[in-house]
C-alpha atoms as a PDB file:
ATOM      1  CA  MET A   1      10.341 -41.037 -39.075  1.00  0.00           C
ATOM      2  CA  LEU A   2      10.390 -38.112 -41.124  1.00  0.00           C
ATOM      3  CA  ARG A   3       7.372 -38.218 -42.318  1.00  0.00           C
ATOM      4  CA  MET A   4       5.827 -38.108 -39.262  1.00  0.00           C
ATOM      5  CA  LEU A   5       7.259 -35.033 -38.208  1.00  0.00           C
ATOM      6  CA  PRO A   6       4.233 -32.887 -39.951  1.00  0.00           C
ATOM      7  CA  PHE A   7       2.278 -34.496 -37.300  1.00  0.00           C
ATOM      8  CA  LEU A   8       3.679 -34.087 -34.574  1.00  0.00           C
ATOM      9  CA  LEU A   9       4.655 -30.816 -34.904  1.00  0.00           C
ATOM     10  CA  VAL A  10       0.775 -30.095 -35.583  1.00  0.00           C
ATOM     11  CA  LEU A  11       0.317 -31.580 -32.892  1.00  0.00           C
ATOM     12  CA  ALA A  12       2.973 -29.794 -31.065  1.00  0.00           C
ATOM     13  CA  LEU A  13       1.355 -26.753 -32.087  1.00  0.00           C
ATOM     14  CA  TRP A  14      -1.617 -27.981 -31.126  1.00  0.00           C
ATOM     15  CA  ILE A  15      -1.299 -28.863 -27.477  1.00  0.00           C
ATOM     16  CA  TRP A  16       0.729 -25.651 -27.063  1.00  0.00           C
ATOM     17  CA  ALA A  17      -1.771 -23.863 -27.679  1.00  0.00           C
ATOM     18  CA  PHE A  18      -4.566 -25.546 -26.089  1.00  0.00           C
ATOM     19  CA  ILE A  19      -2.513 -25.509 -22.542  1.00  0.00           C
ATOM     20  CA  ASP A  20      -1.306 -21.509 -23.572  1.00  0.00           C
ATOM     21  CA  CYS A  21      -5.154 -20.836 -23.819  1.00  0.00           C
ATOM     22  CA  LEU A  22      -6.071 -22.543 -20.752  1.00  0.00           C
ATOM     23  CA  THR A  23      -3.392 -20.767 -18.693  1.00  0.00           C
ATOM     24  CA  THR A  24      -3.828 -17.053 -20.205  1.00  0.00           C
ATOM     25  CA  PRO A  25      -6.053 -15.111 -17.280  1.00  0.00           C
ATOM     26  CA  GLU A  26      -9.285 -13.951 -18.567  1.00  0.00           C
ATOM     27  CA  GLU A  27      -8.170 -10.033 -18.841  1.00  0.00           C
ATOM     28  CA  GLU A  28      -5.986 -10.823 -21.732  1.00  0.00           C
ATOM     29  CA  VAL A  29      -8.198 -12.977 -23.795  1.00  0.00           C
ATOM     30  CA  ARG A  30      -9.376 -10.783 -27.467  1.00  0.00           C
ATOM     31  CA  HIS A  31     -12.032 -10.570 -29.202  1.00  0.00           C
ATOM     32  CA  LEU A  32     -13.503 -13.314 -28.320  1.00  0.00           C
ATOM     33  CA  PRO A  33     -14.367 -15.458 -24.693  1.00  0.00           C
ATOM     34  CA  LYS A  34     -11.864 -17.845 -23.204  1.00  0.00           C
ATOM     35  CA  VAL A  35     -14.836 -21.027 -23.749  1.00  0.00           C
ATOM     36  CA  VAL A  36     -14.646 -19.796 -27.322  1.00  0.00           C
ATOM     37  CA  TRP A  37     -10.956 -19.944 -27.772  1.00  0.00           C
ATOM     38  CA  VAL A  38     -10.695 -22.962 -26.333  1.00  0.00           C
ATOM     39  CA  ILE A  39     -13.757 -24.500 -28.247  1.00  0.00           C
ATOM     40  CA  ILE A  40     -12.202 -22.637 -31.921  1.00  0.00           C
ATOM     41  CA  ILE A  41      -8.380 -24.380 -30.885  1.00  0.00           C
ATOM     42  CA  LEU A  42      -9.863 -27.712 -30.207  1.00  0.00           C
ATOM     43  CA  LEU A  43     -12.193 -28.310 -33.651  1.00  0.00           C
ATOM     44  CA  PHE A  44      -9.598 -26.579 -35.958  1.00  0.00           C
ATOM     45  CA  GLY A  45      -6.232 -28.018 -34.030  1.00  0.00           C
ATOM     46  CA  GLU A  46      -5.957 -30.256 -37.032  1.00  0.00           C
ATOM     47  CA  VAL A  47      -6.061 -27.835 -40.019  1.00  0.00           C
ATOM     48  CA  LEU A  48      -3.673 -25.459 -37.987  1.00  0.00           C
ATOM     49  CA  LEU A  49      -6.905 -22.749 -38.301  1.00  0.00           C
ATOM     50  CA  GLY A  50      -7.084 -22.317 -34.432  1.00  0.00           C
ATOM     51  CA  PRO A  51      -4.045 -22.883 -33.092  1.00  0.00           C
ATOM     52  CA  VAL A  52      -2.961 -20.163 -35.291  1.00  0.00           C
ATOM     53  CA  ALA A  53      -6.501 -18.019 -35.128  1.00  0.00           C
ATOM     54  CA  TRP A  54      -4.774 -17.772 -31.544  1.00  0.00           C
ATOM     55  CA  LEU A  55      -1.816 -16.819 -31.685  1.00  0.00           C
ATOM     56  CA  VAL A  56      -2.327 -14.455 -34.106  1.00  0.00           C
ATOM     57  CA  ALA A  57      -5.700 -12.538 -32.545  1.00  0.00           C
ATOM     58  CA  GLY A  58      -6.785 -14.930 -28.960  1.00  0.00           C
ATOM     59  CA  LYS A  59      -4.506 -13.770 -26.804  1.00  0.00           C
ATOM     60  CA  GLU A  60      -3.127 -10.305 -25.879  1.00  0.00           C
ATOM     61  CA  ARG A  61       1.178 -10.339 -26.609  1.00  0.00           C
ATOM     62  CA  THR A  62       2.436  -7.741 -25.331  1.00  0.00           C
ATOM     63  CA  GLY A  63       6.231  -6.014 -24.811  1.00  0.00           C
ATOM     64  CA  ALA A  64       8.253  -6.083 -21.945  1.00  0.00           C
ATOM     65  CA  GLN A  65       7.411  -2.210 -21.244  1.00  0.00           C
ATOM     66  CA  ARG A  66       4.430  -2.223 -20.990  1.00  0.00           C
ATOM     67  CA  ARG A  67       3.902  -5.994 -19.380  1.00  0.00           C
ATOM     68  CA  ARG A  68       7.109  -3.719 -16.715  1.00  0.00           C
ATOM     69  CA  ALA A  69       4.557  -1.378 -15.838  1.00  0.00           C
ATOM     70  CA  ALA A  70       1.610  -3.884 -15.563  1.00  0.00           C
ATOM     71  CA  TRP A  71       3.645  -5.128 -12.094  1.00  0.00           C
ATOM     72  CA  PRO A  72       3.364  -3.358  -8.973  1.00  0.00           C
ATOM     73  CA  GLU A  73       6.010  -1.591  -7.889  1.00  0.00           C
ATOM     74  CA  GLY A  74       9.198  -2.871  -6.650  1.00  0.00           C
ATOM     75  CA  THR A  75       8.894  -6.102  -8.633  1.00  0.00           C
ATOM     76  CA  ALA A  76      10.563  -4.585 -11.635  1.00  0.00           C
ATOM     77  CA  GLY A  77       9.012  -6.542 -14.200  1.00  0.00           C
ATOM     78  CA  TYR A  78       9.375 -10.278 -12.962  1.00  0.00           C
ATOM     79  CA  PRO A  79       6.862 -12.441 -12.393  1.00  0.00           C
ATOM     80  CA  GLU A  80       7.716 -14.339  -9.039  1.00  0.00           C
ATOM     81  CA  HIS A  81       9.753 -17.290 -10.013  1.00  0.00           C
ATOM     82  CA  GLU A  82      11.519 -15.769 -12.765  1.00  0.00           C
ATOM     83  CA  ARG A  83      12.731 -11.751 -10.266  1.00  0.00           C
ATOM     84  CA  PRO A  84      16.499 -11.602  -9.684  1.00  0.00           C
ATOM     85  CA  ARG A  85      17.183 -12.197  -6.007  1.00  0.00           C
ATOM     86  CA  ALA A  86      18.660  -8.849  -4.153  1.00  0.00           C
ATOM     87  CA  GLY A  87      20.783 -11.280  -1.729  1.00  0.00           C
ATOM     88  CA  ARG A  88      21.340 -14.973  -0.646  1.00  0.00           C
ATOM     89  CA  SER A  89      18.813 -16.034   1.562  1.00  0.00           C
ATOM     90  CA  LEU A  90      20.860 -17.343   4.344  1.00  0.00           C
ATOM     91  CA  ALA A  91      20.006 -20.299   6.359  1.00  0.00           C
ATOM     92  CA  PRO A  92      18.235 -20.626  10.027  1.00  0.00           C
ATOM     93  CA  ASP A  93      22.056 -21.546  11.744  1.00  0.00           C
ATOM     94  CA  ASP A  94      23.386 -18.407   8.920  1.00  0.00           C
ATOM     95  CA  ASP A  95      20.435 -15.421   9.948  1.00  0.00           C
ATOM     96  CA  PRO A  96      21.720 -13.040  13.020  1.00  0.00           C
ATOM     97  CA  GLU A  97      17.878 -12.569  13.093  1.00  0.00           C
ATOM     98  CA  PHE A  98      17.126 -15.883  13.556  1.00  0.00           C
ATOM     99  CA  LEU A  99      19.346 -16.518  15.944  1.00  0.00           C
ATOM    100  CA  ALA A 100      19.105 -13.422  19.041  1.00  0.00           C
ATOM    101  CA  SER A 101      15.249 -14.543  18.643  1.00  0.00           C
ATOM    102  CA  LEU A 102      16.876 -18.236  19.455  1.00  0.00           C
ATOM    103  CA  LYS A 103      18.837 -16.784  21.766  1.00  0.00           C
ATOM    104  CA  LYS A 104      15.859 -14.693  23.739  1.00  0.00           C
ATOM    105  CA  ASP A 105      13.647 -17.264  23.817  1.00  0.00           C
ATOM    106  CA  ASN A 106      16.490 -19.676  25.644  1.00  0.00           C
ATOM    107  CA  LYS A 107      16.566 -17.015  28.347  1.00  0.00           C
ATOM    108  CA  LYS A 108      13.173 -16.932  28.604  1.00  0.00           C
ATOM    109  CA  HIS A 109      12.441 -21.095  29.168  1.00  0.00           C
ATOM    110  CA  GLU A 110      16.101 -20.853  31.342  1.00  0.00           C
ATOM    111  CA  ASP A 111      13.934 -18.158  34.030  1.00  0.00           C
ATOM    112  CA  MET A 112      11.605 -19.793  33.622  1.00  0.00           C
ATOM    113  CA  LEU A 113      12.843 -23.178  34.270  1.00  0.00           C
ATOM    114  CA  LYS A 114      15.053 -21.870  37.341  1.00  0.00           C
ATOM    115  CA  GLN A 115      11.737 -20.492  38.806  1.00  0.00           C
ATOM    116  CA  TRP A 116       9.706 -24.115  38.293  1.00  0.00           C
ATOM    117  CA  GLU A 117      13.188 -25.439  40.514  1.00  0.00           C
ATOM    118  CA  ALA A 118      13.047 -22.722  43.039  1.00  0.00           C
ATOM    119  CA  ASP A 119       9.325 -23.333  43.864  1.00  0.00           C
ATOM    120  CA  LEU A 120       9.793 -27.162  43.993  1.00  0.00           C
ATOM    121  CA  ARG A 121      12.693 -26.157  46.336  1.00  0.00           C
ATOM    122  CA  ARG A 122      10.535 -24.376  48.652  1.00  0.00           C
ATOM    123  CA  ARG A 123       7.319 -26.833  48.016  1.00  0.00           C
ATOM    124  CA  GLU A 124       9.703 -29.955  48.887  1.00  0.00           C
ATOM    125  CA  GLU A 125      10.123 -27.460  51.938  1.00  0.00           C
ATOM    126  CA  GLU A 126       7.407 -27.228  52.919  1.00  0.00           C
ATOM    127  CA  LEU A 127       6.300 -30.616  53.354  1.00  0.00           C
ATOM    128  CA  ARG A 128       9.767 -31.897  54.925  1.00  0.00           C
ATOM    129  CA  SER A 129       8.758 -29.350  57.657  1.00  0.00           C
ATOM    130  CA  THR A 130       5.042 -31.274  58.111  1.00  0.00           C
ATOM    131  CA  ASP A 131       6.367 -34.350  57.703  1.00  0.00           C
ATOM    132  CA  ASP A 132       9.461 -33.436  59.989  1.00  0.00           C
ATOM    133  CA  PRO A 133       8.719 -35.461  63.767  1.00  0.00           C
ATOM    134  CA  ASP A 134      10.439 -32.967  65.172  1.00  0.00           C
ATOM    135  CA  THR A 135       8.001 -30.144  64.642  1.00  0.00           C
ATOM    136  CA  GLY A 136       4.936 -32.130  65.469  1.00  0.00           C
ATOM    137  CA  GLY A 137       3.257 -32.043  62.202  1.00  0.00           C
ATOM    138  CA  ARG A 138       2.956 -28.508  62.367  1.00  0.00           C
ATOM    139  CA  GLY A 139       3.678 -26.084  59.075  1.00  0.00           C
END
């Protein structure tokens, strides 16, 4: 198993450099076009020349200060998935704004239902009065 270790390390570095090159934005690639770097990594990966060249010269590596300055205002230099949250997100049934909107919608629906029921009673009354034999079929 120990004889396989150097081969596995080279393979791991080769795969890592290849994926890193593919996922790097075009504006962060230095010296050569991204496609050329992919070809170099693939062709010279077995002898570590391609992956090491990519790590040394291919990708723009910046410190935390420069990276932080590149992010939009208010994001504090963190990608979205790493950004610390200001507060805990609330479940819908704990969110006061959401509950207030439900109450407002509920009130609106209740008013609409009352209006429909009143309209239905009025129409039923009209039908009863036109069908009533005492009135002679008049409305």
